[in-house]
Amino acid sequence: MKIPLVPLLVSIEDFMLPCMNKKLFGIDCPGCGMQRAAVHLIKGEFGAAFEMYPAIYGLVALVFFVLFTQFVKFRFQTQIKIALGIITGATIIINYILKMNNLIH
């Protein structure tokens, strides 16, 4: 008896967590779309990742920079981390406001 290989393959989408805010209250949270945007990035769909969650690139840059500065120390690293955090936070807030006012989907 041969076991088909296709049903054994598992995709990343099978392990995504549901948004509890959306389940409980029926409205998106500021992080809604982040997991799907990360999947788009992994697949190389960079435009789709940005459309899904515009702050994904700021988050990726911030995470990589924080990890990088754990091994390499240089001048102004704290200021760069703060700037990246502010830019990413502002992007999240602006995106959320636009989404809640139905100006974007």
C-alpha atoms as a PDB file:
ATOM      1  CA  MET A   1       0.000   0.000   0.000  1.00  0.00           C
ATOM      2  CA  LYS A   2       1.423   3.341  -1.069  1.00  0.00           C
ATOM      3  CA  ILE A   3       0.926   6.367   1.120  1.00  0.00           C
ATOM      4  CA  PRO A   4       0.385   9.532  -0.928  1.00  0.00           C
ATOM      5  CA  LEU A   5       3.057  12.110  -0.243  1.00  0.00           C
ATOM      6  CA  VAL A   6       0.933  15.225  -0.755  1.00  0.00           C
ATOM      7  CA  PRO A   7      -1.303  14.878   2.361  1.00  0.00           C
ATOM      8  CA  LEU A   8       1.801  14.495   4.517  1.00  0.00           C
ATOM      9  CA  LEU A   9       3.113  17.900   3.505  1.00  0.00           C
ATOM     10  CA  VAL A  10       2.287  20.589   6.037  1.00  0.00           C
ATOM     11  CA  SER A  11       2.210  24.279   5.281  1.00  0.00           C
ATOM     12  CA  ILE A  12       3.077  27.149   7.565  1.00  0.00           C
ATOM     13  CA  GLU A  13      -0.502  28.411   7.318  1.00  0.00           C
ATOM     14  CA  ASP A  14      -1.681  25.326   9.259  1.00  0.00           C
ATOM     15  CA  PHE A  15       0.083  26.606  12.397  1.00  0.00           C
ATOM     16  CA  MET A  16      -1.064  30.233  12.401  1.00  0.00           C
ATOM     17  CA  LEU A  17      -2.649  31.480  15.612  1.00  0.00           C
ATOM     18  CA  PRO A  18      -6.103  33.077  15.463  1.00  0.00           C
ATOM     19  CA  CYS A  19      -6.544  36.675  16.576  1.00  0.00           C
ATOM     20  CA  MET A  20      -8.262  36.444  19.953  1.00  0.00           C
ATOM     21  CA  ASN A  21      -9.306  40.104  19.789  1.00  0.00           C
ATOM     22  CA  LYS A  22     -11.111  39.461  16.528  1.00  0.00           C
ATOM     23  CA  LYS A  23     -12.665  36.237  17.841  1.00  0.00           C
ATOM     24  CA  LEU A  24     -13.882  37.774  21.095  1.00  0.00           C
ATOM     25  CA  PHE A  25     -14.814  41.310  20.060  1.00  0.00           C
ATOM     26  CA  GLY A  26     -15.166  41.110  16.282  1.00  0.00           C
ATOM     27  CA  ILE A  27     -12.618  43.832  15.488  1.00  0.00           C
ATOM     28  CA  ASP A  28      -9.046  43.632  14.274  1.00  0.00           C
ATOM     29  CA  CYS A  29      -6.141  44.259  16.606  1.00  0.00           C
ATOM     30  CA  PRO A  30      -3.099  46.348  15.608  1.00  0.00           C
ATOM     31  CA  GLY A  31      -1.191  43.125  14.908  1.00  0.00           C
ATOM     32  CA  CYS A  32      -3.766  41.512  12.616  1.00  0.00           C
ATOM     33  CA  GLY A  33      -2.095  40.448   9.403  1.00  0.00           C
ATOM     34  CA  MET A  34       1.420  40.137  10.813  1.00  0.00           C
ATOM     35  CA  GLN A  35       1.568  36.340  10.598  1.00  0.00           C
ATOM     36  CA  ARG A  36       0.216  36.293   7.052  1.00  0.00           C
ATOM     37  CA  ALA A  37       2.658  39.040   6.046  1.00  0.00           C
ATOM     38  CA  ALA A  38       5.533  36.973   7.486  1.00  0.00           C
ATOM     39  CA  VAL A  39       4.386  33.991   5.417  1.00  0.00           C
ATOM     40  CA  HIS A  40       4.336  36.200   2.307  1.00  0.00           C
ATOM     41  CA  LEU A  41       7.898  37.318   3.114  1.00  0.00           C
ATOM     42  CA  ILE A  42       9.068  33.726   3.493  1.00  0.00           C
ATOM     43  CA  LYS A  43       7.486  32.892   0.132  1.00  0.00           C
ATOM     44  CA  GLY A  44       9.201  35.901  -1.474  1.00  0.00           C
ATOM     45  CA  GLU A  45       5.960  37.801  -2.086  1.00  0.00           C
ATOM     46  CA  PHE A  46       7.259  41.170  -0.903  1.00  0.00           C
ATOM     47  CA  GLY A  47       4.461  43.349  -2.294  1.00  0.00           C
ATOM     48  CA  ALA A  48       1.783  41.113  -0.824  1.00  0.00           C
ATOM     49  CA  ALA A  49       3.564  41.220   2.540  1.00  0.00           C
ATOM     50  CA  PHE A  50       3.509  45.013   2.525  1.00  0.00           C
ATOM     51  CA  GLU A  51      -0.163  45.116   1.520  1.00  0.00           C
ATOM     52  CA  MET A  52      -1.046  42.661   4.271  1.00  0.00           C
ATOM     53  CA  TYR A  53       0.886  44.446   7.054  1.00  0.00           C
ATOM     54  CA  PRO A  54       2.959  47.535   6.144  1.00  0.00           C
ATOM     55  CA  ALA A  55       4.936  47.464   9.417  1.00  0.00           C
ATOM     56  CA  ILE A  56       6.458  44.070   8.604  1.00  0.00           C
ATOM     57  CA  TYR A  57       9.589  45.602   7.091  1.00  0.00           C
ATOM     58  CA  GLY A  58      10.174  47.874  10.070  1.00  0.00           C
ATOM     59  CA  LEU A  59       9.727  44.933  12.430  1.00  0.00           C
ATOM     60  CA  VAL A  60      12.133  42.773  10.443  1.00  0.00           C
ATOM     61  CA  ALA A  61      14.707  45.571  10.364  1.00  0.00           C
ATOM     62  CA  LEU A  62      14.338  46.163  14.103  1.00  0.00           C
ATOM     63  CA  VAL A  63      14.660  42.475  14.999  1.00  0.00           C
ATOM     64  CA  PHE A  64      17.703  41.973  12.786  1.00  0.00           C
ATOM     65  CA  PHE A  65      19.332  45.143  14.105  1.00  0.00           C
ATOM     66  CA  VAL A  66      18.756  44.141  17.736  1.00  0.00           C
ATOM     67  CA  LEU A  67      20.197  40.672  17.052  1.00  0.00           C
ATOM     68  CA  PHE A  68      23.143  42.184  15.160  1.00  0.00           C
ATOM     69  CA  THR A  69      23.997  44.557  18.007  1.00  0.00           C
ATOM     70  CA  GLN A  70      24.173  41.621  20.404  1.00  0.00           C
ATOM     71  CA  PHE A  71      27.367  40.581  18.644  1.00  0.00           C
ATOM     72  CA  VAL A  72      28.726  43.833  17.203  1.00  0.00           C
ATOM     73  CA  LYS A  73      28.798  47.004  19.259  1.00  0.00           C
ATOM     74  CA  PHE A  74      29.040  50.392  17.619  1.00  0.00           C
ATOM     75  CA  ARG A  75      28.305  54.031  18.170  1.00  0.00           C
ATOM     76  CA  PHE A  76      24.690  55.299  18.132  1.00  0.00           C
ATOM     77  CA  GLN A  77      23.188  51.804  18.263  1.00  0.00           C
ATOM     78  CA  THR A  78      20.741  52.839  20.981  1.00  0.00           C
ATOM     79  CA  GLN A  79      19.544  55.830  18.982  1.00  0.00           C
ATOM     80  CA  ILE A  80      19.092  53.654  15.886  1.00  0.00           C
ATOM     81  CA  LYS A  81      17.052  51.118  17.864  1.00  0.00           C
ATOM     82  CA  ILE A  82      14.860  53.911  19.241  1.00  0.00           C
ATOM     83  CA  ALA A  83      14.366  55.408  15.764  1.00  0.00           C
ATOM     84  CA  LEU A  84      13.472  52.023  14.276  1.00  0.00           C
ATOM     85  CA  GLY A  85      11.042  51.406  17.136  1.00  0.00           C
ATOM     86  CA  ILE A  86       9.363  54.778  16.681  1.00  0.00           C
ATOM     87  CA  ILE A  87       9.063  54.358  12.911  1.00  0.00           C
ATOM     88  CA  THR A  88       7.662  50.840  13.292  1.00  0.00           C
ATOM     89  CA  GLY A  89       5.263  51.876  16.052  1.00  0.00           C
ATOM     90  CA  ALA A  90       4.038  54.851  14.032  1.00  0.00           C
ATOM     91  CA  THR A  91       3.502  52.605  11.012  1.00  0.00           C
ATOM     92  CA  ILE A  92       1.471  50.160  13.113  1.00  0.00           C
ATOM     93  CA  ILE A  93      -0.678  52.932  14.589  1.00  0.00           C
ATOM     94  CA  ILE A  94      -1.276  54.704  11.267  1.00  0.00           C
ATOM     95  CA  ASN A  95      -2.113  51.419   9.535  1.00  0.00           C
ATOM     96  CA  TYR A  96      -4.546  50.500  12.327  1.00  0.00           C
ATOM     97  CA  ILE A  97      -6.299  53.882  12.206  1.00  0.00           C
ATOM     98  CA  LEU A  98      -6.667  53.656   8.428  1.00  0.00           C
ATOM     99  CA  LYS A  99      -7.949  50.078   8.681  1.00  0.00           C
ATOM    100  CA  MET A 100     -10.498  50.927  11.372  1.00  0.00           C
ATOM    101  CA  ASN A 101     -11.799  53.867   9.316  1.00  0.00           C
ATOM    102  CA  ASN A 102     -12.186  51.562   6.285  1.00  0.00           C
ATOM    103  CA  LEU A 103      -9.699  53.591   4.267  1.00  0.00           C
ATOM    104  CA  ILE A 104      -7.686  50.448   3.501  1.00  0.00           C
ATOM    105  CA  HIS A 105      -8.632  46.782   3.484  1.00  0.00           C
END
